[in-house]
C-alpha cells in the first residue's frame, strides 16, 4: 500500500481512490452568497428567483455528497501492481495489454493506450447521466483509448501514477509522443 508523505520511491501496489470534494463545495458556497442576496430582496419576483436558485444549489450539493459517498463505498477505483491495473469493477488490465501511457488534456490526464487489438475498459464510476459505453466511445475518439485517468479527480497525483507505471516497465510519453520527463 502506498504511504503518504514519505520520502523515496513508492513500493508495492498503488491504490487510487476518489478525490475530496472540498474545492467543489467552496466554489458552490461562493456562488450561493450572491444568490442568497437575491433571495433576501423585498421584490417578490427577484426573491422567488433567488430562492429557486438556492434550491438548485442545494440539490447540486446533495448530488455531490451522494456521489462522493457512492465512490467511497466502492473502495479503491484503481490498483496498480505487478499484475496490471485493477479497476473497481473487478477487471484487471495486464501490463502486456498496454503499449504506452500518454499524457493528455494539456498534461492533466494519463491515457493507457492498448497494445494491438486489446480492448481496454473505461474508468467512469462517478458519472450520473452518462453511460459507460458513451464515455468509452468519446474517450476513444478523443484520446485513442477508453482508459483515461484524470488525477485531479482522484486522491493520487499524476507523478505518483507515472512513477508506478514506470516501475512496471510501461513507457510514459508526452502529448506529442516523445518520452515524458514527469
Protein backbone atom coordinates (compact mmCIF):
# COMPACT_ATOMS: atom_id res chain seq x y z
CA UNK A 1 0.00 0.00 0.00
CA UNK A 2 1.19 3.49 -0.77
CA UNK A 3 2.49 5.62 2.07
CA UNK A 4 1.60 9.32 2.00
CA UNK A 5 4.07 11.97 2.99
CA UNK A 6 7.08 9.67 2.99
CA UNK A 7 10.28 10.26 1.09
CA UNK A 8 11.73 7.97 -1.51
CA UNK A 9 10.09 5.79 -4.10
CA UNK A 10 6.70 4.22 -3.59
CA UNK A 11 6.87 0.45 -3.35
CA UNK A 12 4.14 -2.16 -3.50
CA UNK A 13 0.75 -1.64 -5.07
CA UNK A 14 -0.64 1.85 -5.62
CA UNK A 15 -4.31 2.06 -4.62
CA UNK A 16 -6.14 5.07 -6.01
CA UNK A 17 -9.44 6.30 -4.61
CA UNK A 18 -11.75 9.22 -5.32
CA UNK A 19 -10.53 12.73 -4.53
CA UNK A 20 -12.05 15.08 -1.99
CA UNK A 21 -14.87 17.48 -2.83
CA UNK A 22 -13.60 20.44 -0.80
CA UNK A 23 -12.92 22.80 -3.70
CA UNK A 24 -16.19 21.93 -5.38
CA UNK A 25 -18.04 22.78 -2.17
CA UNK A 26 -16.10 26.03 -1.73
CA UNK A 27 -16.98 27.15 -5.27
CA UNK A 28 -20.66 26.35 -4.72
CA UNK A 29 -20.73 28.20 -1.40
CA UNK A 30 -19.13 31.25 -3.03
CA UNK A 31 -21.70 31.15 -5.82
CA UNK A 32 -24.53 30.84 -3.33
CA UNK A 33 -23.53 34.02 -1.48
CA UNK A 34 -24.65 36.19 -4.38
CA UNK A 35 -27.81 34.15 -4.84
CA UNK A 36 -28.57 34.47 -1.13
CA UNK A 37 -28.65 38.24 -1.53
CA UNK A 38 -31.25 37.81 -4.27
CA UNK A 39 -33.38 35.58 -2.04
CA UNK A 40 -33.44 38.24 0.66
CA UNK A 41 -34.71 41.03 -1.61
CA UNK A 42 -38.08 42.68 -0.95
CA UNK A 43 -39.11 42.42 -4.58
CA UNK A 44 -41.15 39.20 -4.64
CA UNK A 45 -40.18 38.07 -8.13
CA UNK A 46 -36.47 38.59 -7.53
CA UNK A 47 -36.75 36.85 -4.15
CA UNK A 48 -38.58 33.93 -5.78
CA UNK A 49 -35.85 33.61 -8.41
CA UNK A 50 -33.21 33.74 -5.67
CA UNK A 51 -34.95 31.05 -3.63
CA UNK A 52 -35.31 28.87 -6.73
CA UNK A 53 -31.60 29.21 -7.46
CA UNK A 54 -30.79 28.38 -3.83
CA UNK A 55 -32.88 25.21 -4.23
CA UNK A 56 -30.87 24.25 -7.30
CA UNK A 57 -27.61 24.90 -5.45
CA UNK A 58 -28.80 22.76 -2.53
CA UNK A 59 -29.69 19.97 -4.97
CA UNK A 60 -26.20 20.20 -6.52
CA UNK A 61 -24.58 19.91 -3.08
CA UNK A 62 -26.73 16.90 -2.21
CA UNK A 63 -25.85 15.20 -5.51
CA UNK A 64 -22.15 15.83 -4.88
CA UNK A 65 -22.35 14.33 -1.40
CA UNK A 66 -24.28 11.28 -2.65
CA UNK A 67 -21.75 10.79 -5.46
CA UNK A 68 -18.86 11.04 -3.01
CA UNK A 69 -20.43 8.52 -0.63
CA UNK A 70 -21.08 6.15 -3.54
CA UNK A 71 -17.49 6.43 -4.74
CA UNK A 72 -16.08 5.88 -1.25
CA UNK A 73 -18.21 2.73 -0.88
CA UNK A 74 -16.54 1.24 -3.98
CA UNK A 75 -13.14 1.17 -2.27
CA UNK A 76 -10.10 1.81 -4.48
CA UNK A 77 -11.09 2.85 -8.01
CA UNK A 78 -7.75 1.66 -9.42
CA UNK A 79 -4.99 -0.54 -8.14
CA UNK A 80 -1.66 -0.53 -9.94
CA UNK A 81 0.52 -3.54 -9.14
CA UNK A 82 2.67 -6.21 -10.79
CA UNK A 83 -0.44 -7.92 -12.26
CA UNK A 84 -1.52 -4.74 -14.06
CA UNK A 85 -4.27 -2.21 -13.45
CA UNK A 86 -7.24 -3.50 -11.47
CA UNK A 87 -10.41 -1.43 -11.80
CA UNK A 88 -13.13 -1.08 -9.16
CA UNK A 89 -15.43 -3.37 -11.17
CA UNK A 90 -13.02 -6.30 -10.86
CA UNK A 91 -11.46 -6.17 -14.34
CA UNK A 92 -7.66 -6.32 -14.43
CA UNK A 93 -5.77 -4.98 -17.44
CA UNK A 94 -2.44 -6.82 -17.71
CA UNK A 95 0.70 -4.84 -18.50
CA UNK A 96 1.06 -6.78 -21.76
CA UNK A 97 -2.23 -5.23 -22.92
CA UNK A 98 -0.80 -1.69 -22.54
CA UNK A 99 1.59 -0.30 -25.15
CA UNK A 100 2.27 3.06 -23.51
CA UNK A 101 0.83 5.68 -21.19
CA UNK A 102 0.46 9.11 -22.79
CA UNK A 103 -0.14 12.47 -21.12
CA UNK A 104 -3.36 14.03 -22.45
CA UNK A 105 -5.55 17.05 -21.78
CA UNK A 106 -2.70 19.57 -21.59
CA UNK A 107 -0.85 17.21 -19.25
CA UNK A 108 -3.74 16.80 -16.78
CA UNK A 109 -4.63 13.21 -17.69
CA UNK A 110 -2.99 9.89 -18.47
CA UNK A 111 -4.27 7.71 -21.32
CA UNK A 112 -3.41 4.00 -21.24
CA UNK A 113 -3.01 3.04 -24.92
CA UNK A 114 -3.70 -0.59 -25.85
CA UNK A 115 -1.12 -2.92 -27.33
CA UNK A 116 -2.52 -4.38 -30.54
CA UNK A 117 -6.16 -5.41 -30.58
CA UNK A 118 -6.59 -5.37 -26.79
CA UNK A 119 -9.87 -3.81 -25.69
CA UNK A 120 -9.42 -1.70 -22.57
CA UNK A 121 -12.23 -0.83 -20.14
CA UNK A 122 -13.40 2.66 -19.25
CA UNK A 123 -12.95 4.24 -15.82
CA UNK A 124 -16.18 6.19 -15.32
CA UNK A 125 -17.65 5.28 -11.91
CA UNK A 126 -18.93 8.71 -10.95
CA UNK A 127 -20.84 9.96 -13.94
CA UNK A 128 -24.57 10.17 -13.19
CA UNK A 129 -26.03 10.98 -16.59
CA UNK A 130 -23.51 9.33 -18.91
CA UNK A 131 -23.43 5.67 -19.86
CA UNK A 132 -20.06 3.90 -19.65
CA UNK A 133 -20.42 2.96 -23.34
CA UNK A 134 -20.87 6.62 -24.34
CA UNK A 135 -17.93 7.71 -22.19
CA UNK A 136 -15.78 4.93 -23.70
CA UNK A 137 -16.73 5.97 -27.24
CA UNK A 138 -15.99 9.67 -26.65
CA UNK A 139 -12.67 8.98 -24.90
CA UNK A 140 -11.61 6.58 -27.64
CA UNK A 141 -12.40 9.21 -30.28
CA UNK A 142 -10.55 11.93 -28.40
CA UNK A 143 -7.61 10.09 -26.80
CA UNK A 144 -7.36 6.78 -28.70
CA UNK A 145 -8.36 4.68 -25.67
CA UNK A 146 -11.25 4.46 -23.22
CA UNK A 147 -8.93 4.01 -20.23
CA UNK A 148 -8.06 7.60 -19.31
CA UNK A 149 -7.27 8.71 -15.76
CA UNK A 150 -7.55 12.32 -14.57
CA UNK A 151 -5.65 12.57 -11.25
CA UNK A 152 -7.33 15.86 -10.31
CA UNK A 153 -10.46 13.81 -9.54
CA UNK A 154 -8.52 11.21 -7.58
CA UNK A 155 -6.57 11.07 -4.32
CA UNK A 156 -3.25 10.43 -6.10
CA UNK A 157 -1.08 12.79 -8.12
CA UNK A 158 -0.07 12.33 -11.74
CA UNK A 159 3.54 11.98 -10.61
CA UNK A 160 2.69 9.08 -8.28
CA UNK A 161 0.75 7.28 -11.02
CA UNK A 162 3.56 7.94 -13.53
CA UNK A 163 6.16 6.54 -11.12
CA UNK A 164 4.07 3.40 -10.56
CA UNK A 165 3.60 2.89 -14.31
CA UNK A 166 7.32 3.31 -14.97
CA UNK A 167 8.13 0.81 -12.21
CA UNK A 168 6.37 -1.88 -14.25
CA UNK A 169 8.20 -1.06 -17.49
CA UNK A 170 5.48 0.75 -19.43
CA UNK A 171 6.80 3.77 -21.35
CA UNK A 172 5.34 7.16 -20.47
CA UNK A 173 5.10 9.72 -23.28
CA UNK A 174 4.06 13.33 -23.54
CA UNK A 175 1.18 14.60 -25.70
CA UNK A 176 3.50 14.73 -28.70
CA UNK A 177 4.56 11.08 -28.34
CA UNK A 178 8.06 11.91 -27.09
CA UNK A 179 9.30 10.39 -23.84
CA UNK A 180 7.88 12.30 -20.86
CA UNK A 181 10.08 13.69 -18.11
CA UNK A 182 7.50 13.82 -15.30
